[in-house]
PDB file of N, CA and C in Angstrom:
ATOM      1  N   MET A   1      95.606  75.888 116.899  1.00  0.00           N
ATOM      2  CA  MET A   1      96.334  76.937 117.784  1.00  0.00           C
ATOM      3  C   MET A   1      96.739  77.942 117.474  1.00  0.00           C
ATOM      4  N   ALA A   2      95.561  78.771 117.999  1.00  0.00           N
ATOM      5  CA  ALA A   2      96.153  80.182 117.921  1.00  0.00           C
ATOM      6  C   ALA A   2      96.984  80.959 117.732  1.00  0.00           C
ATOM      7  N   ALA A   3      97.395  81.778 116.773  1.00  0.00           N
ATOM      8  CA  ALA A   3      98.842  82.505 116.746  1.00  0.00           C
ATOM      9  C   ALA A   3      98.857  83.692 116.304  1.00  0.00           C
ATOM     10  N   GLN A   4      99.565  84.528 117.230  1.00  0.00           N
ATOM     11  CA  GLN A   4      99.468  86.192 117.195  1.00  0.00           C
ATOM     12  C   GLN A   4     100.575  86.818 115.868  1.00  0.00           C
ATOM     13  N   VAL A   5      99.877  87.684 115.621  1.00  0.00           N
ATOM     14  CA  VAL A   5     100.567  88.589 114.604  1.00  0.00           C
ATOM     15  C   VAL A   5     101.134  90.334 115.580  1.00  0.00           C
ATOM     16  N   VAL A   6     102.280  90.224 115.861  1.00  0.00           N
ATOM     17  CA  VAL A   6     102.366  91.539 116.492  1.00  0.00           C
ATOM     18  C   VAL A   6     103.348  92.456 115.744  1.00  0.00           C
ATOM     19  N   ALA A   7     102.970  93.364 116.213  1.00  0.00           N
ATOM     20  CA  ALA A   7     104.229  94.819 115.593  1.00  0.00           C
ATOM     21  C   ALA A   7     105.138  94.270 116.190  1.00  0.00           C
ATOM     22  N   PRO A   8     106.308  94.886 115.418  1.00  0.00           N
ATOM     23  CA  PRO A   8     107.581  94.337 115.918  1.00  0.00           C
ATOM     24  C   PRO A   8     108.382  95.821 116.256  1.00  0.00           C
ATOM     25  N   MET A   9     107.749  96.402 115.917  1.00  0.00           N
ATOM     26  CA  MET A   9     108.137  97.792 116.987  1.00  0.00           C
ATOM     27  C   MET A   9     107.247  98.781 117.155  1.00  0.00           C
ATOM     28  N   PRO A  10     107.438  99.622 117.805  1.00  0.00           N
ATOM     29  CA  PRO A  10     106.048 101.012 117.532  1.00  0.00           C
ATOM     30  C   PRO A  10     105.943 101.991 115.780  1.00  0.00           C
ATOM     31  N   GLY A  11     104.955 102.101 116.149  1.00  0.00           N
ATOM     32  CA  GLY A  11     104.534 102.426 114.575  1.00  0.00           C
ATOM     33  C   GLY A  11     103.551 102.957 114.349  1.00  0.00           C
ATOM     34  N   LYS A  12     103.018 103.601 113.374  1.00  0.00           N
ATOM     35  CA  LYS A  12     101.342 103.889 112.774  1.00  0.00           C
ATOM     36  C   LYS A  12     100.566 102.730 111.682  1.00  0.00           C
ATOM     37  N   ILE A  13      99.856 102.055 111.512  1.00  0.00           N
ATOM     38  CA  ILE A  13      98.978 101.425 111.222  1.00  0.00           C
ATOM     39  C   ILE A  13      98.352 101.483 109.619  1.00  0.00           C
ATOM     40  N   ILE A  14      98.555 101.708 108.644  1.00  0.00           N
ATOM     41  CA  ILE A  14      98.624 102.353 107.640  1.00  0.00           C
ATOM     42  C   ILE A  14      97.907 101.647 106.597  1.00  0.00           C
ATOM     43  N   GLU A  15      97.046 100.012 106.194  1.00  0.00           N
ATOM     44  CA  GLU A  15      96.492  99.160 105.504  1.00  0.00           C
ATOM     45  C   GLU A  15      96.285  98.253 106.396  1.00  0.00           C
ATOM     46  N   VAL A  16      94.662  97.600 106.593  1.00  0.00           N
ATOM     47  CA  VAL A  16      94.863  95.835 107.165  1.00  0.00           C
ATOM     48  C   VAL A  16      93.792  95.213 105.953  1.00  0.00           C
ATOM     49  N   ASN A  17      95.056  94.938 105.249  1.00  0.00           N
ATOM     50  CA  ASN A  17      94.672  93.769 104.341  1.00  0.00           C
ATOM     51  C   ASN A  17      93.875  92.362 104.672  1.00  0.00           C
ATOM     52  N   VAL A  18      93.689  92.377 105.791  1.00  0.00           N
ATOM     53  CA  VAL A  18      92.939  91.101 106.337  1.00  0.00           C
ATOM     54  C   VAL A  18      91.555  91.210 107.051  1.00  0.00           C
ATOM     55  N   LYS A  19      89.976  90.385 106.809  1.00  0.00           N
ATOM     56  CA  LYS A  19      88.952  90.784 107.561  1.00  0.00           C
ATOM     57  C   LYS A  19      89.087  89.791 108.633  1.00  0.00           C
ATOM     58  N   VAL A  20      87.668  89.249 109.230  1.00  0.00           N
ATOM     59  CA  VAL A  20      87.702  87.930 110.177  1.00  0.00           C
ATOM     60  C   VAL A  20      87.297  86.820 109.585  1.00  0.00           C
ATOM     61  N   GLY A  21      87.428  85.982 108.980  1.00  0.00           N
ATOM     62  CA  GLY A  21      87.212  84.552 108.454  1.00  0.00           C
ATOM     63  C   GLY A  21      87.736  84.475 106.852  1.00  0.00           C
ATOM     64  N   ASP A  22      88.274  85.952 107.299  1.00  0.00           N
ATOM     65  CA  ASP A  22      89.298  85.675 105.759  1.00  0.00           C
ATOM     66  C   ASP A  22      90.703  84.745 105.569  1.00  0.00           C
ATOM     67  N   GLN A  23      90.836  83.644 104.625  1.00  0.00           N
ATOM     68  CA  GLN A  23      92.278  82.267 104.940  1.00  0.00           C
ATOM     69  C   GLN A  23      93.068  82.879 104.600  1.00  0.00           C
ATOM     70  N   VAL A  24      94.047  82.569 105.056  1.00  0.00           N
ATOM     71  CA  VAL A  24      95.750  83.206 105.189  1.00  0.00           C
ATOM     72  C   VAL A  24      96.798  82.298 104.748  1.00  0.00           C
ATOM     73  N   LYS A  25      97.383  82.313 104.432  1.00  0.00           N
ATOM     74  CA  LYS A  25      99.023  81.541 103.875  1.00  0.00           C
ATOM     75  C   LYS A  25     100.268  81.826 105.294  1.00  0.00           C
ATOM     76  N   GLU A  26     100.453  81.091 105.292  1.00  0.00           N
ATOM     77  CA  GLU A  26     101.989  81.948 106.626  1.00  0.00           C
ATOM     78  C   GLU A  26     102.687  82.829 105.256  1.00  0.00           C
ATOM     79  N   ASP A  27     103.182  84.074 105.916  1.00  0.00           N
ATOM     80  CA  ASP A  27     103.869  85.259 105.016  1.00  0.00           C
ATOM     81  C   ASP A  27     103.296  85.096 104.148  1.00  0.00           C
ATOM     82  N   ASP A  28     102.056  85.443 104.246  1.00  0.00           N
ATOM     83  CA  ASP A  28     100.894  86.419 103.616  1.00  0.00           C
ATOM     84  C   ASP A  28     100.910  87.710 104.327  1.00  0.00           C
ATOM     85  N   PRO A  29     101.258  89.074 103.519  1.00  0.00           N
ATOM     86  CA  PRO A  29     101.022  90.105 104.370  1.00  0.00           C
ATOM     87  C   PRO A  29      99.334  90.614 105.047  1.00  0.00           C
ATOM     88  N   VAL A  30      99.826  90.738 106.645  1.00  0.00           N
ATOM     89  CA  VAL A  30      97.843  90.964 106.877  1.00  0.00           C
ATOM     90  C   VAL A  30      97.881  92.866 107.267  1.00  0.00           C
ATOM     91  N   VAL A  31      99.451  93.271 107.346  1.00  0.00           N
ATOM     92  CA  VAL A  31      98.722  94.521 107.415  1.00  0.00           C
ATOM     93  C   VAL A  31      99.790  95.511 107.406  1.00  0.00           C
ATOM     94  N   ILE A  32     100.064  96.738 106.859  1.00  0.00           N
ATOM     95  CA  ILE A  32     100.646  97.414 106.469  1.00  0.00           C
ATOM     96  C   ILE A  32     101.140  98.346 107.421  1.00  0.00           C
ATOM     97  N   MET A  33     102.356  98.403 107.820  1.00  0.00           N
ATOM     98  CA  MET A  33     102.374  99.440 109.354  1.00  0.00           C
ATOM     99  C   MET A  33     104.243 100.187 108.520  1.00  0.00           C
ATOM    100  N   GLU A  34     103.520 101.769 109.307  1.00  0.00           N
ATOM    101  CA  GLU A  34     105.076 102.637 109.151  1.00  0.00           C
ATOM    102  C   GLU A  34     105.333 102.697 110.404  1.00  0.00           C
ATOM    103  N   ALA A  35     106.738 102.608 110.277  1.00  0.00           N
ATOM    104  CA  ALA A  35     107.940 102.710 111.308  1.00  0.00           C
ATOM    105  C   ALA A  35     109.255 103.751 111.232  1.00  0.00           C
ATOM    106  N   MET A  36     109.739 104.978 111.662  1.00  0.00           N
ATOM    107  CA  MET A  36     110.444 105.202 110.907  1.00  0.00           C
ATOM    108  C   MET A  36     110.466 105.584 109.917  1.00  0.00           C
ATOM    109  N   LYS A  37     109.696 105.922 109.302  1.00  0.00           N
ATOM    110  CA  LYS A  37     109.408 106.801 107.987  1.00  0.00           C
ATOM    111  C   LYS A  37     108.969 104.940 107.260  1.00  0.00           C
ATOM    112  N   ILE A  38     109.361 104.313 107.301  1.00  0.00           N
ATOM    113  CA  ILE A  38     109.171 103.137 106.042  1.00  0.00           C
ATOM    114  C   ILE A  38     107.554 102.819 106.298  1.00  0.00           C
ATOM    115  N   GLU A  39     107.411 102.241 104.801  1.00  0.00           N
ATOM    116  CA  GLU A  39     106.300 101.190 105.456  1.00  0.00           C
ATOM    117  C   GLU A  39     106.769  99.607 105.180  1.00  0.00           C
ATOM    118  N   MET A  40     106.443  98.926 106.173  1.00  0.00           N
ATOM    119  CA  MET A  40     106.496  97.586 105.973  1.00  0.00           C
ATOM    120  C   MET A  40     105.317  96.795 106.197  1.00  0.00           C
ATOM    121  N   PRO A  41     105.487  95.801 105.807  1.00  0.00           N
ATOM    122  CA  PRO A  41     104.792  94.328 105.391  1.00  0.00           C
ATOM    123  C   PRO A  41     104.617  93.501 106.710  1.00  0.00           C
ATOM    124  N   ILE A  42     103.605  93.409 107.396  1.00  0.00           N
ATOM    125  CA  ILE A  42     103.362  92.593 107.982  1.00  0.00           C
ATOM    126  C   ILE A  42     103.057  91.351 107.945  1.00  0.00           C
ATOM    127  N   VAL A  43     103.677  89.788 108.432  1.00  0.00           N
ATOM    128  CA  VAL A  43     102.793  89.034 108.040  1.00  0.00           C
ATOM    129  C   VAL A  43     102.236  87.477 108.244  1.00  0.00           C
ATOM    130  N   ALA A  44     101.442  87.156 108.422  1.00  0.00           N
ATOM    131  CA  ALA A  44     100.565  85.522 108.802  1.00  0.00           C
ATOM    132  C   ALA A  44     102.402  84.775 109.301  1.00  0.00           C
ATOM    133  N   VAL A  45     101.887  84.572 111.075  1.00  0.00           N
ATOM    134  CA  VAL A  45     103.265  83.999 111.403  1.00  0.00           C
ATOM    135  C   VAL A  45     102.577  81.920 110.847  1.00  0.00           C
ATOM    136  N   GLN A  46     101.873  82.209 110.689  1.00  0.00           N
ATOM    137  CA  GLN A  46     100.986  80.640 110.328  1.00  0.00           C
ATOM    138  C   GLN A  46      99.613  80.367 108.987  1.00  0.00           C
ATOM    139  N   GLY A  47      99.183  79.757 108.436  1.00  0.00           N
ATOM    140  CA  GLY A  47      98.368  80.081 107.747  1.00  0.00           C
ATOM    141  C   GLY A  47      97.271  79.088 108.395  1.00  0.00           C
ATOM    142  N   GLY A  48      96.019  79.886 108.212  1.00  0.00           N
ATOM    143  CA  GLY A  48      94.885  78.981 108.789  1.00  0.00           C
ATOM    144  C   GLY A  48      93.791  80.382 108.398  1.00  0.00           C
ATOM    145  N   LYS A  49      92.822  80.557 109.345  1.00  0.00           N
ATOM    146  CA  LYS A  49      91.568  81.955 108.980  1.00  0.00           C
ATOM    147  C   LYS A  49      92.001  82.782 110.391  1.00  0.00           C
ATOM    148  N   VAL A  50      91.724  84.201 110.158  1.00  0.00           N
ATOM    149  CA  VAL A  50      91.731  85.778 110.719  1.00  0.00           C
ATOM    150  C   VAL A  50      90.840  85.187 111.364  1.00  0.00           C
ATOM    151  N   ALA A  51      90.554  85.309 113.528  1.00  0.00           N
ATOM    152  CA  ALA A  51      89.928  85.191 114.001  1.00  0.00           C
ATOM    153  C   ALA A  51      89.728  86.701 114.255  1.00  0.00           C
ATOM    154  N   GLU A  52      90.642  87.544 114.036  1.00  0.00           N
ATOM    155  CA  GLU A  52      90.373  88.930 115.049  1.00  0.00           C
ATOM    156  C   GLU A  52      91.563  89.509 114.596  1.00  0.00           C
ATOM    157  N   VAL A  53      90.979  90.439 114.302  1.00  0.00           N
ATOM    158  CA  VAL A  53      91.655  92.313 113.766  1.00  0.00           C
ATOM    159  C   VAL A  53      91.444  93.126 114.644  1.00  0.00           C
ATOM    160  N   ARG A  54      92.550  93.233 115.658  1.00  0.00           N
ATOM    161  CA  ARG A  54      93.096  94.080 116.378  1.00  0.00           C
ATOM    162  C   ARG A  54      93.356  95.601 116.698  1.00  0.00           C
ATOM    163  N   CYS A  55      93.340  95.853 114.917  1.00  0.00           N
ATOM    164  CA  CYS A  55      94.112  96.961 114.545  1.00  0.00           C
ATOM    165  C   CYS A  55      92.873  97.635 113.720  1.00  0.00           C
ATOM    166  N   GLU A  56      93.643  99.235 113.507  1.00  0.00           N
ATOM    167  CA  GLU A  56      93.057  99.686 111.764  1.00  0.00           C
ATOM    168  C   GLU A  56      93.785 101.059 111.461  1.00  0.00           C
ATOM    169  N   PRO A  57      93.530 101.417 109.289  1.00  0.00           N
ATOM    170  CA  PRO A  57      94.154 102.066 109.267  1.00  0.00           C
ATOM    171  C   PRO A  57      94.609 103.252 110.393  1.00  0.00           C
ATOM    172  N   GLY A  58      95.261 104.091 110.639  1.00  0.00           N
ATOM    173  CA  GLY A  58      95.593 105.287 110.929  1.00  0.00           C
ATOM    174  C   GLY A  58      96.018 105.422 113.198  1.00  0.00           C
ATOM    175  N   GLN A  59      95.638 104.181 113.420  1.00  0.00           N
ATOM    176  CA  GLN A  59      96.318 103.719 115.347  1.00  0.00           C
ATOM    177  C   GLN A  59      97.558 103.552 115.184  1.00  0.00           C
ATOM    178  N   SER A  60      97.521 103.655 115.850  1.00  0.00           N
ATOM    179  CA  SER A  60      99.148 104.172 116.843  1.00  0.00           C
ATOM    180  C   SER A  60      99.176 102.626 117.295  1.00  0.00           C
ATOM    181  N   VAL A  61     100.396 101.977 117.311  1.00  0.00           N
ATOM    182  CA  VAL A  61     100.907 101.041 117.960  1.00  0.00           C
ATOM    183  C   VAL A  61     102.119 101.001 119.142  1.00  0.00           C
ATOM    184  N   GLU A  62     102.429 100.260 119.940  1.00  0.00           N
ATOM    185  CA  GLU A  62     103.561  99.548 120.477  1.00  0.00           C
ATOM    186  C   GLU A  62     103.923  98.165 119.665  1.00  0.00           C
ATOM    187  N   SER A  63     105.359  98.283 120.878  1.00  0.00           N
ATOM    188  CA  SER A  63     105.850  96.951 120.145  1.00  0.00           C
ATOM    189  C   SER A  63     104.993  95.960 120.786  1.00  0.00           C
ATOM    190  N   ASP A  64     105.571  94.860 119.777  1.00  0.00           N
ATOM    191  CA  ASP A  64     104.431  93.975 120.518  1.00  0.00           C
ATOM    192  C   ASP A  64     102.728  93.834 120.778  1.00  0.00           C
ATOM    193  N   ALA A  65     102.547  94.868 120.374  1.00  0.00           N
ATOM    194  CA  ALA A  65     101.019  94.848 120.726  1.00  0.00           C
ATOM    195  C   ALA A  65     100.992  93.557 119.431  1.00  0.00           C
ATOM    196  N   VAL A  66      99.299  93.081 119.593  1.00  0.00           N
ATOM    197  CA  VAL A  66      98.806  91.816 118.791  1.00  0.00           C
ATOM    198  C   VAL A  66      97.603  92.915 118.045  1.00  0.00           C
ATOM    199  N   LEU A  67      98.218  92.299 116.721  1.00  0.00           N
ATOM    200  CA  LEU A  67      97.391  93.102 115.438  1.00  0.00           C
ATOM    201  C   LEU A  67      96.444  91.957 115.079  1.00  0.00           C
ATOM    202  N   VAL A  68      96.632  90.878 114.869  1.00  0.00           N
ATOM    203  CA  VAL A  68      96.173  90.060 114.512  1.00  0.00           C
ATOM    204  C   VAL A  68      95.814  88.388 114.830  1.00  0.00           C
ATOM    205  N   ILE A  69      94.805  88.102 114.917  1.00  0.00           N
ATOM    206  CA  ILE A  69      94.606  86.566 116.033  1.00  0.00           C
ATOM    207  C   ILE A  69      94.373  85.117 114.597  1.00  0.00           C
ATOM    208  N   ILE A  70      95.364  84.925 114.500  1.00  0.00           N
ATOM    209  CA  ILE A  70      94.835  83.540 113.674  1.00  0.00           C
ATOM    210  C   ILE A  70      94.894  81.992 114.316  1.00  0.00           C
ATOM    211  N   GLU A  71      93.433  81.459 113.888  1.00  0.00           N
ATOM    212  CA  GLU A  71      93.135  80.022 113.852  1.00  0.00           C
ATOM    213  C   GLU A  71      93.981  79.215 113.140  1.00  0.00           C
TER     214      GLU A  71
END
Protein backbone atom coordinates (compact mmCIF):
# COMPACT_ATOMS: atom_id res chain seq x y z
CA MET A 1 0.00 0.00 0.00
CA ALA A 2 1.29 3.45 -0.90
CA ALA A 3 2.13 5.88 1.89
CA GLN A 4 2.29 9.65 1.64
CA VAL A 5 5.03 11.69 3.29
CA VAL A 6 3.46 15.07 4.09
CA ALA A 7 4.70 18.44 5.31
CA PRO A 8 4.00 18.79 9.05
CA MET A 9 3.64 22.58 8.73
CA PRO A 10 4.05 25.33 6.12
CA GLY A 11 7.65 25.85 5.07
CA LYS A 12 10.25 25.77 2.32
CA ILE A 13 11.91 22.70 0.83
CA ILE A 14 15.69 22.93 1.28
CA GLU A 15 16.79 19.53 -0.02
CA VAL A 16 15.24 16.40 -1.57
CA ASN A 17 17.25 13.31 -0.64
CA VAL A 18 15.43 10.75 -2.83
CA LYS A 19 14.40 10.23 -6.44
CA VAL A 20 11.80 7.99 -8.08
CA GLY A 21 12.87 4.35 -7.82
CA ASP A 22 15.02 4.75 -4.70
CA GLN A 23 14.56 2.22 -1.90
CA VAL A 24 14.00 3.74 1.55
CA LYS A 25 13.58 2.38 5.06
CA GLU A 26 11.13 3.68 7.63
CA ASP A 27 12.50 6.84 9.28
CA ASP A 28 15.02 7.57 6.47
CA PRO A 29 15.13 11.35 5.87
CA VAL A 30 13.60 11.94 2.44
CA VAL A 31 13.24 15.75 2.48
CA ILE A 32 14.86 18.58 4.45
CA MET A 33 12.42 21.42 5.12
CA GLU A 34 12.84 24.82 6.74
CA ALA A 35 10.03 26.15 8.89
CA MET A 36 10.22 28.94 11.47
CA LYS A 37 13.98 29.36 10.73
CA ILE A 38 14.65 25.71 11.70
CA GLU A 39 15.77 22.98 9.28
CA MET A 40 14.02 19.69 9.94
CA PRO A 41 14.24 16.29 8.30
CA ILE A 42 10.98 14.84 7.00
CA VAL A 43 11.24 11.05 7.21
CA ALA A 44 9.76 8.08 5.38
CA VAL A 45 6.64 6.78 7.13
CA GLN A 46 7.29 3.25 5.84
CA GLY A 47 9.93 1.33 3.95
CA GLY A 48 9.59 0.73 0.23
CA LYS A 49 10.25 2.22 -3.18
CA VAL A 50 9.82 5.93 -3.95
CA ALA A 51 6.97 6.16 -6.46
CA GLU A 52 6.65 9.95 -6.74
CA VAL A 53 8.50 13.06 -5.62
CA ARG A 54 6.14 16.03 -5.57
CA CYS A 55 8.48 18.77 -4.35
CA GLU A 56 11.77 20.41 -5.28
CA PRO A 57 14.35 22.58 -3.51
CA GLY A 58 13.23 26.18 -3.09
CA GLN A 59 9.54 25.32 -3.26
CA SER A 60 7.20 26.66 -0.57
CA VAL A 61 4.67 24.14 0.71
CA GLU A 62 1.59 24.29 2.88
CA SER A 63 0.84 22.11 5.88
CA ASP A 64 -0.18 18.56 4.86
CA ALA A 65 1.16 18.97 1.30
CA VAL A 66 2.17 15.60 -0.13
CA LEU A 67 5.96 15.64 -0.64
CA VAL A 68 6.82 12.01 -1.48
CA ILE A 69 4.82 8.83 -2.17
CA ILE A 70 6.31 5.49 -1.14
CA GLU A 71 5.01 2.13 -2.36
